[in-house]
Amino acid sequence: QVQLVESGGGLVQPGGSLRLSCAASGSFFNIYAMGWDRQAPGRQRELVAGIADGAGTSYADSVKDRFTLSRDNAKNTVYLQMNSLKPEDTAVYYCYTNIAGVLHWGQGTQVTVSS
């Protein structure tokens, strides 16, 4: 079983920054990919950023140059540094992992960008 523990969400003013963390634990040998999705009220869930073995890092166009995804393989942890936040970044952010072709999701963490 795989557990994902997310942290770092909260309320921030436009232009501010937040850093999300997601740590994976459980019984597994290797994590192929990790990343973050988000879902805002009334909108479809979208991929924000992901990093995969041999495939590098990818970002949604809406967050390029503002968000940075990094991964610590020794800690099975992925970080999402979010800068220059905008009100449209407000959403529940979900961490995911791909382990041997099986996707696992965290419980979600709320990010609210508002003045």
Protein backbone atom coordinates (compact mmCIF):
# COMPACT_ATOMS: atom_id res chain seq x y z
CA GLN A 1 0.00 0.00 0.00
CA VAL A 2 1.16 3.50 -0.85
CA GLN A 3 0.47 6.58 1.24
CA LEU A 4 0.96 10.15 0.05
CA VAL A 5 1.16 12.94 2.61
CA GLU A 6 0.81 16.47 1.27
CA SER A 7 1.60 19.72 3.01
CA GLY A 8 2.16 23.40 2.30
CA GLY A 9 -1.18 24.68 1.09
CA GLY A 10 -2.84 27.80 2.45
CA LEU A 11 -3.95 31.34 1.77
CA VAL A 12 -1.62 33.74 -0.01
CA GLN A 13 -1.98 37.13 -1.64
CA PRO A 14 -1.60 37.56 -5.41
CA GLY A 15 2.06 37.68 -6.31
CA GLY A 16 3.01 35.59 -3.31
CA SER A 17 4.63 32.17 -3.05
CA LEU A 18 3.89 28.78 -1.57
CA ARG A 19 5.77 25.50 -1.52
CA LEU A 20 3.89 22.21 -1.60
CA SER A 21 5.46 18.96 -0.47
CA CYS A 22 4.36 15.38 -1.02
CA ALA A 23 6.03 12.41 0.63
CA ALA A 24 5.33 8.86 -0.47
CA SER A 25 5.63 5.93 1.89
CA GLY A 26 4.72 2.28 1.89
CA SER A 27 5.85 -0.89 0.24
CA PHE A 28 7.29 -0.24 -3.19
CA PHE A 29 10.55 -0.55 -5.03
CA ASN A 30 10.66 2.41 -7.36
CA ILE A 31 8.53 5.43 -8.17
CA TYR A 32 8.39 6.02 -11.91
CA ALA A 33 6.72 9.43 -11.80
CA MET A 34 5.47 12.03 -9.34
CA GLY A 35 3.66 15.29 -9.76
CA TRP A 36 0.68 17.49 -9.02
CA ASP A 37 -2.79 17.96 -10.46
CA ARG A 38 -5.27 20.60 -9.41
CA GLN A 39 -8.99 21.13 -9.52
CA ALA A 40 -10.75 24.43 -9.14
CA PRO A 41 -14.51 24.71 -8.51
CA GLY A 42 -16.43 24.29 -11.73
CA ARG A 43 -13.34 23.42 -13.73
CA GLN A 44 -11.82 20.21 -15.00
CA ARG A 45 -8.93 18.64 -13.20
CA GLU A 46 -5.66 19.53 -14.87
CA LEU A 47 -2.07 18.41 -14.70
CA VAL A 48 0.09 21.12 -13.16
CA ALA A 49 3.53 19.53 -13.27
CA GLY A 50 5.07 16.10 -13.39
CA ILE A 51 8.48 14.47 -13.35
CA ALA A 52 9.20 10.99 -14.64
CA ASP A 53 12.26 8.78 -14.90
CA GLY A 54 13.91 9.33 -18.25
CA ALA A 55 11.29 11.84 -19.33
CA GLY A 56 12.21 14.98 -17.45
CA THR A 57 9.79 17.53 -16.08
CA SER A 58 6.67 18.91 -17.72
CA TYR A 59 4.45 21.84 -16.82
CA ALA A 60 1.07 23.16 -17.79
CA ASP A 61 1.41 26.24 -19.97
CA SER A 62 -0.44 28.28 -17.37
CA VAL A 63 2.27 27.72 -14.75
CA LYS A 64 5.46 27.67 -16.81
CA ASP A 65 8.07 30.15 -15.58
CA ARG A 66 6.21 30.50 -12.27
CA PHE A 67 6.16 26.99 -10.79
CA THR A 68 9.12 24.68 -10.28
CA LEU A 69 8.84 20.97 -9.59
CA SER A 70 11.67 19.10 -7.91
CA ARG A 71 12.10 15.59 -6.59
CA ASP A 72 14.17 14.06 -3.82
CA ASN A 73 14.44 10.38 -4.68
CA ALA A 74 16.13 9.51 -1.38
CA LYS A 75 13.08 10.83 0.49
CA ASN A 76 10.46 9.76 -2.09
CA THR A 77 9.31 13.36 -1.96
CA VAL A 78 8.28 15.86 -4.61
CA TYR A 79 8.11 19.61 -4.12
CA LEU A 80 6.19 22.25 -6.03
CA GLN A 81 7.53 25.76 -5.61
CA MET A 82 4.84 28.20 -6.69
CA ASN A 83 5.81 31.81 -7.29
CA SER A 84 3.94 34.83 -8.65
CA LEU A 85 0.68 33.21 -7.66
CA LYS A 86 -2.52 34.41 -9.31
CA PRO A 87 -6.16 34.15 -8.20
CA GLU A 88 -6.71 31.64 -11.00
CA ASP A 89 -4.24 29.30 -9.30
CA THR A 90 -6.79 28.81 -6.54
CA ALA A 91 -7.64 25.11 -6.42
CA VAL A 92 -7.23 21.88 -4.51
CA TYR A 93 -3.84 20.48 -5.41
CA TYR A 94 -3.42 16.70 -5.52
CA CYS A 95 -0.13 14.88 -5.45
CA TYR A 96 0.17 11.72 -7.54
CA THR A 97 2.66 8.94 -8.04
CA ASN A 98 2.99 6.32 -10.73
CA ILE A 99 4.42 3.12 -9.28
CA ALA A 100 4.70 0.19 -11.66
CA GLY A 101 1.94 1.67 -13.81
CA VAL A 102 -0.49 2.21 -10.92
CA LEU A 103 -1.52 5.76 -10.02
CA HIS A 104 -1.90 6.81 -6.41
CA TRP A 105 -3.34 10.12 -5.19
CA GLY A 106 -3.00 12.22 -2.09
CA GLN A 107 -5.94 13.67 -0.19
CA GLY A 108 -5.43 17.13 -1.65
CA THR A 109 -4.35 20.44 -0.19
CA GLN A 110 -6.17 23.73 -0.67
CA VAL A 111 -4.36 26.67 -2.22
CA THR A 112 -6.22 29.98 -2.15
CA VAL A 113 -4.83 33.10 -3.81
CA SER A 114 -6.77 36.15 -2.71
CA SER A 115 -6.26 39.64 -1.43
